[in-house]
Structures are given as C-alpha cells and as structure tokens.
Amino acid sequence: MVSELVSFQLDDRQFAVPLSSIERIERAVSITPLPKAPDIVLGVINIHGSIVPVFNIRERFRLPPRDMQLSDQLIVAHTSKRTIALLVDSVIAVIEVPGEKIVETSNILPQLDFVEGVAKAEDGMILIHDLERFLSIREEQSLDEAMKELNQDG
C-alpha cells in the first residue's frame, strides 16, 4: 500500500502529514494570539469566516524558535475534532511512499505519541505526523476552553 503525504520543512528537517487530512496550503498570515491556549498554539487565523488555531510544531519537536517569515506557509488540515493550521518553513511536495518504507514509531521512539511513523527517503528520514494525536488530552481541553471563550467574546 502506498501512502500519499505532503512533505514540509522545518529548518533542515523534513516532516509530513497524510494528504487525506489536508484542506489547503496558504501563505503565512498574521496570527492573532489566543489567550489561555496551550503553549503549542501560536494563536488563531480567520479562513473564510472560520477561526482556525495555528499550531507551533517547532515547539513540539524542540526546534529553536524563530520569527515568522514572509516565505512561511500554513498547512490547513482537519482532524476529527476541528480544522487546524500548521506553521511550516515551506511545503516541499506531495510524495508517495510505499508502505514497506514506513516504520511505525512504536518500533523506534514509542514516546512520540504525535508521530505516526518514519518514512525512509533518499535524502534522509521524514517524520509523519498523526494529527489526531498531535495534542495531549490536557492541551486539547485547554484549546477547547480558549476557543469557547473566543467565540463568546466575538
């Protein structure tokens, strides 16, 4: 079985998310802070009237923080609970990875709950995100509460 993934870059590392969860890719826009949101949430953006939380995946992977740049992109994706956006340095491509080239994370790094697997690529390894498990239960609850407050205020 072949997995279709959207690969993206943070610093010099490659990551990916399943193509099936992607709604669109947008240029980075101004992000409005979201009080009381978990640290992993940079804030929110408005996409065609919908308020969408933006995740700081640099923090999740303990990469050094950096200011948003004009060339950055937002990967707008959906989970079973909500639409989200991931702030990335750049989107590289849609790639097809044969199943045998993907190693489940539980076989390598069981503590990375938010990573579904690792794809072996010609130029290195690609961590594949599991967007359904990207937030911890506590982060999910905190984000829900912050979004409710935002909706009540707006």
N, C-alpha and C. Protein backbone atom coordinates (compact mmCIF):
# COMPACT_ATOMS: atom_id res chain seq x y z
N MET A 1 0.83 -1.18 0.00
CA MET A 1 0.00 0.00 0.00
C MET A 1 0.89 1.26 0.00
N VAL A 2 0.49 2.24 -0.77
CA VAL A 2 1.25 3.48 -0.90
C VAL A 2 0.56 4.57 -0.10
N SER A 3 1.34 5.31 0.68
CA SER A 3 0.81 6.45 1.43
C SER A 3 1.12 7.73 0.68
N GLU A 4 0.09 8.56 0.50
CA GLU A 4 0.30 9.88 -0.09
C GLU A 4 0.45 10.87 1.03
N LEU A 5 1.56 11.59 1.02
CA LEU A 5 1.90 12.51 2.09
C LEU A 5 2.25 13.88 1.53
N VAL A 6 2.03 14.91 2.33
CA VAL A 6 2.50 16.25 2.00
C VAL A 6 3.74 16.47 2.87
N SER A 7 4.87 16.63 2.22
CA SER A 7 6.11 16.83 2.99
C SER A 7 6.39 18.33 3.13
N PHE A 8 6.96 18.66 4.28
CA PHE A 8 7.29 20.06 4.56
C PHE A 8 8.56 20.13 5.35
N GLN A 9 9.08 21.34 5.45
CA GLN A 9 10.38 21.53 6.07
C GLN A 9 10.30 22.47 7.26
N LEU A 10 11.06 22.11 8.30
CA LEU A 10 11.33 22.98 9.45
C LEU A 10 12.84 22.95 9.61
N ASP A 11 13.47 24.10 9.49
CA ASP A 11 14.93 24.18 9.44
C ASP A 11 15.42 23.24 8.35
N ASP A 12 16.31 22.33 8.67
CA ASP A 12 16.81 21.41 7.63
C ASP A 12 16.20 20.02 7.74
N ARG A 13 15.08 19.91 8.45
CA ARG A 13 14.44 18.60 8.65
C ARG A 13 13.15 18.50 7.87
N GLN A 14 12.86 17.27 7.43
CA GLN A 14 11.61 17.03 6.68
C GLN A 14 10.60 16.31 7.56
N PHE A 15 9.35 16.72 7.39
CA PHE A 15 8.22 16.12 8.09
C PHE A 15 7.12 15.91 7.07
N ALA A 16 6.06 15.22 7.46
CA ALA A 16 4.95 15.00 6.53
C ALA A 16 3.66 14.78 7.30
N VAL A 17 2.56 15.03 6.61
CA VAL A 17 1.22 14.71 7.10
C VAL A 17 0.49 14.03 5.97
N PRO A 18 -0.48 13.16 6.30
CA PRO A 18 -1.23 12.48 5.24
C PRO A 18 -1.98 13.48 4.35
N LEU A 19 -1.88 13.29 3.06
CA LEU A 19 -2.55 14.16 2.10
C LEU A 19 -4.06 14.18 2.36
N SER A 20 -4.62 13.06 2.79
CA SER A 20 -6.07 12.96 3.00
C SER A 20 -6.57 13.93 4.08
N SER A 21 -5.70 14.41 4.97
CA SER A 21 -6.14 15.32 6.03
C SER A 21 -5.95 16.80 5.66
N ILE A 22 -5.36 17.07 4.49
CA ILE A 22 -5.05 18.45 4.09
C ILE A 22 -6.24 19.07 3.37
N GLU A 23 -6.59 20.28 3.78
CA GLU A 23 -7.62 21.04 3.07
C GLU A 23 -7.00 21.99 2.06
N ARG A 24 -5.94 22.68 2.46
CA ARG A 24 -5.29 23.65 1.58
C ARG A 24 -3.95 24.05 2.18
N ILE A 25 -3.17 24.74 1.37
CA ILE A 25 -1.90 25.31 1.82
C ILE A 25 -1.99 26.80 1.53
N GLU A 26 -1.68 27.60 2.53
CA GLU A 26 -1.81 29.06 2.42
C GLU A 26 -0.47 29.71 2.74
N ARG A 27 -0.29 30.92 2.25
CA ARG A 27 0.84 31.73 2.69
C ARG A 27 0.62 32.10 4.14
N ALA A 28 1.69 32.29 4.86
CA ALA A 28 1.57 32.70 6.26
C ALA A 28 0.90 34.07 6.33
N VAL A 29 0.03 34.22 7.30
CA VAL A 29 -0.68 35.48 7.53
C VAL A 29 -0.49 35.85 9.00
N SER A 30 -0.91 37.04 9.33
CA SER A 30 -0.81 37.49 10.71
C SER A 30 -1.65 36.58 11.61
N ILE A 31 -1.06 36.18 12.72
CA ILE A 31 -1.71 35.27 13.66
C ILE A 31 -2.13 36.05 14.89
N THR A 32 -3.40 35.94 15.26
CA THR A 32 -3.92 36.63 16.43
C THR A 32 -3.69 35.76 17.66
N PRO A 33 -3.06 36.29 18.71
CA PRO A 33 -2.85 35.50 19.93
C PRO A 33 -4.18 34.98 20.50
N LEU A 34 -4.14 33.81 21.09
CA LEU A 34 -5.32 33.21 21.71
C LEU A 34 -5.04 33.03 23.20
N PRO A 35 -5.55 33.95 24.03
CA PRO A 35 -5.31 33.83 25.48
C PRO A 35 -5.80 32.49 26.01
N LYS A 36 -5.07 31.96 26.96
CA LYS A 36 -5.39 30.72 27.66
C LYS A 36 -5.23 29.46 26.81
N ALA A 37 -4.72 29.60 25.59
CA ALA A 37 -4.47 28.42 24.76
C ALA A 37 -3.19 27.74 25.23
N PRO A 38 -3.04 26.45 24.96
CA PRO A 38 -1.78 25.77 25.33
C PRO A 38 -0.60 26.37 24.57
N ASP A 39 0.60 26.18 25.10
CA ASP A 39 1.81 26.76 24.50
C ASP A 39 2.01 26.33 23.05
N ILE A 40 1.52 25.17 22.70
CA ILE A 40 1.71 24.65 21.34
C ILE A 40 0.89 25.44 20.31
N VAL A 41 -0.06 26.26 20.78
CA VAL A 41 -0.91 27.05 19.89
C VAL A 41 -0.37 28.48 19.80
N LEU A 42 0.02 28.88 18.59
CA LEU A 42 0.54 30.23 18.38
C LEU A 42 -0.56 31.27 18.45
N GLY A 43 -1.75 30.88 18.06
CA GLY A 43 -2.89 31.79 18.02
C GLY A 43 -3.91 31.29 17.03
N VAL A 44 -4.69 32.21 16.47
CA VAL A 44 -5.73 31.81 15.52
C VAL A 44 -5.66 32.69 14.27
N ILE A 45 -6.21 32.14 13.18
CA ILE A 45 -6.36 32.88 11.94
C ILE A 45 -7.80 32.73 11.47
N ASN A 46 -8.23 33.62 10.59
CA ASN A 46 -9.57 33.56 10.04
C ASN A 46 -9.45 33.07 8.60
N ILE A 47 -10.05 31.91 8.32
CA ILE A 47 -10.05 31.38 6.96
C ILE A 47 -11.50 31.31 6.50
N HIS A 48 -11.85 32.21 5.62
CA HIS A 48 -13.21 32.27 5.06
C HIS A 48 -14.28 32.24 6.14
N GLY A 49 -14.07 33.02 7.21
CA GLY A 49 -15.07 33.13 8.27
C GLY A 49 -14.94 32.10 9.37
N SER A 50 -14.04 31.15 9.23
CA SER A 50 -13.81 30.15 10.29
C SER A 50 -12.56 30.51 11.07
N ILE A 51 -12.65 30.43 12.39
CA ILE A 51 -11.50 30.70 13.25
C ILE A 51 -10.73 29.38 13.43
N VAL A 52 -9.47 29.39 13.03
CA VAL A 52 -8.65 28.17 12.99
C VAL A 52 -7.42 28.35 13.87
N PRO A 53 -7.19 27.43 14.83
CA PRO A 53 -5.98 27.51 15.64
C PRO A 53 -4.73 27.14 14.83
N VAL A 54 -3.64 27.86 15.10
CA VAL A 54 -2.37 27.61 14.42
C VAL A 54 -1.42 26.95 15.41
N PHE A 55 -0.91 25.78 15.04
CA PHE A 55 -0.02 25.03 15.91
C PHE A 55 1.43 25.37 15.62
N ASN A 56 2.21 25.49 16.69
CA ASN A 56 3.65 25.71 16.60
C ASN A 56 4.34 24.36 16.68
N ILE A 57 4.52 23.73 15.54
CA ILE A 57 5.11 22.40 15.58
C ILE A 57 6.61 22.44 15.83
N ARG A 58 7.21 23.62 15.66
CA ARG A 58 8.63 23.75 16.01
C ARG A 58 8.81 23.41 17.49
N GLU A 59 7.90 23.92 18.31
CA GLU A 59 7.99 23.67 19.74
C GLU A 59 7.81 22.18 20.06
N ARG A 60 6.88 21.54 19.38
CA ARG A 60 6.61 20.12 19.63
C ARG A 60 7.85 19.28 19.40
N PHE A 61 8.65 19.67 18.41
CA PHE A 61 9.87 18.91 18.10
C PHE A 61 11.12 19.53 18.69
N ARG A 62 10.93 20.47 19.62
CA ARG A 62 12.03 21.11 20.33
C ARG A 62 13.06 21.74 19.39
N LEU A 63 12.55 22.32 18.31
CA LEU A 63 13.41 23.06 17.39
C LEU A 63 13.51 24.50 17.90
N PRO A 64 14.60 25.18 17.60
CA PRO A 64 14.73 26.56 18.10
C PRO A 64 13.63 27.45 17.54
N PRO A 65 13.10 28.32 18.39
CA PRO A 65 12.05 29.22 17.90
C PRO A 65 12.63 30.20 16.89
N ARG A 66 11.77 30.67 16.00
CA ARG A 66 12.18 31.72 15.07
C ARG A 66 10.96 32.54 14.71
N ASP A 67 11.21 33.78 14.34
CA ASP A 67 10.11 34.66 13.94
C ASP A 67 9.52 34.17 12.63
N MET A 68 8.22 34.41 12.47
CA MET A 68 7.56 34.04 11.23
C MET A 68 8.15 34.88 10.10
N GLN A 69 8.32 34.25 8.93
CA GLN A 69 8.88 34.93 7.78
C GLN A 69 7.86 34.97 6.65
N LEU A 70 8.04 35.89 5.71
CA LEU A 70 7.11 36.02 4.59
C LEU A 70 7.01 34.74 3.77
N SER A 71 8.08 33.96 3.74
CA SER A 71 8.08 32.73 2.94
C SER A 71 7.43 31.55 3.65
N ASP A 72 7.11 31.69 4.94
CA ASP A 72 6.49 30.58 5.68
C ASP A 72 5.11 30.25 5.09
N GLN A 73 4.66 29.03 5.37
CA GLN A 73 3.37 28.59 4.85
C GLN A 73 2.55 27.96 5.97
N LEU A 74 1.25 27.95 5.74
CA LEU A 74 0.32 27.30 6.67
C LEU A 74 -0.30 26.10 5.98
N ILE A 75 -0.19 24.95 6.61
CA ILE A 75 -0.87 23.76 6.12
C ILE A 75 -2.18 23.68 6.89
N VAL A 76 -3.28 23.87 6.18
CA VAL A 76 -4.60 23.81 6.81
C VAL A 76 -5.10 22.38 6.65
N ALA A 77 -5.37 21.76 7.79
CA ALA A 77 -5.75 20.35 7.79
C ALA A 77 -6.94 20.15 8.71
N HIS A 78 -7.54 18.97 8.63
CA HIS A 78 -8.65 18.67 9.53
C HIS A 78 -8.34 17.42 10.34
N THR A 79 -8.83 17.46 11.56
CA THR A 79 -8.79 16.29 12.43
C THR A 79 -10.25 15.91 12.66
N SER A 80 -10.49 14.90 13.43
CA SER A 80 -11.88 14.51 13.71
C SER A 80 -12.58 15.57 14.56
N LYS A 81 -11.81 16.43 15.25
CA LYS A 81 -12.40 17.43 16.14
C LYS A 81 -12.50 18.82 15.55
N ARG A 82 -11.55 19.20 14.69
CA ARG A 82 -11.52 20.60 14.23
C ARG A 82 -10.60 20.76 13.03
N THR A 83 -10.69 21.93 12.43
CA THR A 83 -9.73 22.34 11.41
C THR A 83 -8.58 23.04 12.12
N ILE A 84 -7.36 22.76 11.68
CA ILE A 84 -6.17 23.33 12.30
C ILE A 84 -5.24 23.86 11.21
N ALA A 85 -4.26 24.63 11.62
CA ALA A 85 -3.21 25.07 10.69
C ALA A 85 -1.85 24.81 11.33
N LEU A 86 -0.92 24.34 10.54
CA LEU A 86 0.45 24.10 10.99
C LEU A 86 1.34 25.13 10.33
N LEU A 87 2.09 25.89 11.12
CA LEU A 87 3.02 26.87 10.57
C LEU A 87 4.32 26.15 10.23
N VAL A 88 4.70 26.17 8.95
CA VAL A 88 5.90 25.47 8.49
C VAL A 88 6.79 26.42 7.70
N ASP A 89 8.07 26.09 7.60
CA ASP A 89 9.00 26.92 6.84
C ASP A 89 8.64 26.88 5.36
N SER A 90 8.39 25.68 4.84
CA SER A 90 7.99 25.54 3.43
C SER A 90 7.39 24.16 3.20
N VAL A 91 6.44 24.14 2.28
CA VAL A 91 5.86 22.86 1.84
C VAL A 91 6.72 22.41 0.67
N ILE A 92 7.13 21.15 0.70
CA ILE A 92 8.04 20.66 -0.32
C ILE A 92 7.27 20.04 -1.49
N ALA A 93 6.47 19.02 -1.20
CA ALA A 93 5.79 18.31 -2.30
C ALA A 93 4.79 17.31 -1.76
N VAL A 94 3.97 16.82 -2.65
CA VAL A 94 3.15 15.65 -2.35
C VAL A 94 4.01 14.46 -2.77
N ILE A 95 4.20 13.54 -1.84
CA ILE A 95 5.04 12.38 -2.14
C ILE A 95 4.25 11.10 -1.92
N GLU A 96 4.64 10.07 -2.63
CA GLU A 96 4.06 8.74 -2.45
C GLU A 96 5.14 7.85 -1.86
N VAL A 97 4.81 7.25 -0.72
CA VAL A 97 5.78 6.41 -0.03
C VAL A 97 5.20 5.00 0.10
N PRO A 98 5.88 4.00 -0.45
CA PRO A 98 5.41 2.63 -0.30
C PRO A 98 5.38 2.23 1.17
N GLY A 99 4.37 1.46 1.56
CA GLY A 99 4.19 1.02 2.94
C GLY A 99 5.42 0.41 3.56
N GLU A 100 6.18 -0.34 2.77
CA GLU A 100 7.36 -1.00 3.32
C GLU A 100 8.48 -0.02 3.68
N LYS A 101 8.37 1.23 3.20
CA LYS A 101 9.38 2.24 3.54
C LYS A 101 8.98 3.08 4.74
N ILE A 102 7.84 2.73 5.37
CA ILE A 102 7.40 3.45 6.57
C ILE A 102 7.54 2.54 7.78
N VAL A 103 8.24 3.05 8.78
CA VAL A 103 8.42 2.30 10.02
C VAL A 103 7.54 2.94 11.08
N GLU A 104 6.73 2.14 11.76
CA GLU A 104 5.89 2.69 12.83
C GLU A 104 6.76 3.23 13.95
N THR A 105 6.35 4.34 14.51
CA THR A 105 7.16 4.98 15.55
C THR A 105 7.29 4.11 16.79
N SER A 106 6.27 3.32 17.08
CA SER A 106 6.33 2.48 18.28
C SER A 106 7.53 1.54 18.23
N ASN A 107 8.01 1.24 17.03
CA ASN A 107 9.19 0.38 16.88
C ASN A 107 10.50 1.13 17.08
N ILE A 108 10.44 2.49 17.06
CA ILE A 108 11.67 3.28 17.17
C ILE A 108 11.64 4.17 18.40
N LEU A 109 10.64 5.05 18.45
CA LEU A 109 10.53 6.05 19.51
C LEU A 109 9.12 6.01 20.09
N PRO A 110 8.84 5.07 20.98
CA PRO A 110 7.48 4.94 21.48
C PRO A 110 6.94 6.16 22.22
N GLN A 111 7.82 7.04 22.70
CA GLN A 111 7.35 8.22 23.45
C GLN A 111 6.81 9.33 22.55
N LEU A 112 6.99 9.23 21.25
CA LEU A 112 6.48 10.25 20.33
C LEU A 112 5.05 9.90 19.91
N ASP A 113 4.10 10.18 20.78
CA ASP A 113 2.71 9.83 20.52
C ASP A 113 2.14 10.53 19.29
N PHE A 114 2.65 11.71 18.98
CA PHE A 114 2.08 12.51 17.91
C PHE A 114 2.71 12.22 16.56
N VAL A 115 3.62 11.25 16.50
CA VAL A 115 4.23 10.85 15.23
C VAL A 115 3.74 9.45 14.89
N GLU A 116 3.20 9.32 13.68
CA GLU A 116 2.63 8.05 13.22
C GLU A 116 3.69 7.08 12.75
N GLY A 117 4.72 7.62 12.09
CA GLY A 117 5.76 6.76 11.57
C GLY A 117 6.90 7.56 11.01
N VAL A 118 7.90 6.83 10.53
CA VAL A 118 9.07 7.45 9.92
C VAL A 118 9.22 6.84 8.53
N ALA A 119 9.27 7.71 7.53
CA ALA A 119 9.46 7.25 6.15
C ALA A 119 10.93 7.36 5.81
N LYS A 120 11.43 6.32 5.17
CA LYS A 120 12.82 6.36 4.71
C LYS A 120 12.83 6.99 3.33
N ALA A 121 13.50 8.12 3.21
CA ALA A 121 13.59 8.81 1.92
C ALA A 121 15.02 8.76 1.43
N GLU A 122 15.19 9.08 0.15
CA GLU A 122 16.54 9.06 -0.43
C GLU A 122 17.48 10.00 0.30
N ASP A 123 16.95 11.15 0.75
CA ASP A 123 17.81 12.14 1.39
C ASP A 123 17.65 12.19 2.91
N GLY A 124 17.18 11.11 3.51
CA GLY A 124 17.08 11.06 4.96
C GLY A 124 15.76 10.47 5.44
N MET A 125 15.35 10.90 6.61
CA MET A 125 14.14 10.39 7.23
C MET A 125 13.08 11.49 7.27
N ILE A 126 11.82 11.07 7.16
CA ILE A 126 10.70 12.01 7.23
C ILE A 126 9.78 11.54 8.35
N LEU A 127 9.57 12.40 9.36
CA LEU A 127 8.63 12.07 10.43
C LEU A 127 7.22 12.37 9.95
N ILE A 128 6.33 11.38 10.08
CA ILE A 128 4.95 11.53 9.63
C ILE A 128 4.08 11.81 10.85
N HIS A 129 3.41 12.97 10.83
CA HIS A 129 2.57 13.38 11.96
C HIS A 129 1.25 12.63 12.00
N ASP A 130 0.79 12.37 13.20
CA ASP A 130 -0.56 11.88 13.42
C ASP A 130 -1.34 13.06 13.99
N LEU A 131 -2.09 13.73 13.14
CA LEU A 131 -2.79 14.95 13.57
C LEU A 131 -3.85 14.66 14.62
N GLU A 132 -4.38 13.44 14.64
CA GLU A 132 -5.39 13.09 15.64
C GLU A 132 -4.80 13.05 17.05
N ARG A 133 -3.51 12.78 17.14
CA ARG A 133 -2.87 12.67 18.46
C ARG A 133 -1.84 13.77 18.69
N PHE A 134 -1.92 14.83 17.90
CA PHE A 134 -0.92 15.88 17.98
C PHE A 134 -0.95 16.61 19.31
N LEU A 135 -2.15 16.84 19.84
CA LEU A 135 -2.29 17.49 21.15
C LEU A 135 -2.52 16.45 22.23
N SER A 136 -1.99 16.70 23.41
CA SER A 136 -2.29 15.85 24.56
C SER A 136 -3.74 16.12 24.96
N ILE A 137 -4.29 15.28 25.79
CA ILE A 137 -5.67 15.47 26.25
C ILE A 137 -5.79 16.81 26.96
N ARG A 138 -4.82 17.15 27.80
CA ARG A 138 -4.85 18.42 28.53
C ARG A 138 -4.78 19.61 27.56
N GLU A 139 -3.91 19.52 26.54
CA GLU A 139 -3.81 20.59 25.55
C GLU A 139 -5.11 20.73 24.76
N GLU A 140 -5.71 19.61 24.43
CA GLU A 140 -6.98 19.61 23.69
C GLU A 140 -8.06 20.31 24.50
N GLN A 141 -8.15 19.98 25.80
CA GLN A 141 -9.15 20.60 26.68
C GLN A 141 -8.88 22.10 26.83
N SER A 142 -7.63 22.47 26.99
CA SER A 142 -7.26 23.87 27.14
C SER A 142 -7.61 24.65 25.86
N LEU A 143 -7.34 24.06 24.70
CA LEU A 143 -7.67 24.71 23.43
C LEU A 143 -9.18 24.85 23.28
N ASP A 144 -9.93 23.80 23.64
CA ASP A 144 -11.40 23.87 23.58
C ASP A 144 -11.92 25.03 24.41
N GLU A 145 -11.40 25.18 25.63
CA GLU A 145 -11.85 26.26 26.52
C GLU A 145 -11.49 27.63 25.95
N ALA A 146 -10.27 27.78 25.42
CA ALA A 146 -9.84 29.05 24.85
C ALA A 146 -10.68 29.41 23.63
N MET A 147 -11.00 28.41 22.80
CA MET A 147 -11.83 28.67 21.61
C MET A 147 -13.26 29.04 22.00
N LYS A 148 -13.79 28.40 23.04
CA LYS A 148 -15.14 28.74 23.51
C LYS A 148 -15.19 30.19 23.98
N GLU A 149 -14.17 30.60 24.74
CA GLU A 149 -14.12 31.99 25.23
C GLU A 149 -14.04 32.96 24.06
N LEU A 150 -13.25 32.61 23.06
CA LEU A 150 -13.11 33.47 21.88
C LEU A 150 -14.46 33.60 21.18
N ASN A 151 -15.18 32.49 21.04
CA ASN A 151 -16.48 32.52 20.36
C ASN A 151 -17.51 33.31 21.17
N GLN A 152 -17.42 33.27 22.51
CA GLN A 152 -18.33 34.04 23.35
C GLN A 152 -18.04 35.52 23.26
N ASP A 153 -16.74 35.86 23.18
CA ASP A 153 -16.35 37.28 23.10
C ASP A 153 -16.68 37.87 21.73
N GLY A 154 -16.56 37.01 20.67
CA GLY A 154 -16.74 37.50 19.31
C GLY A 154 -18.16 37.51 18.97
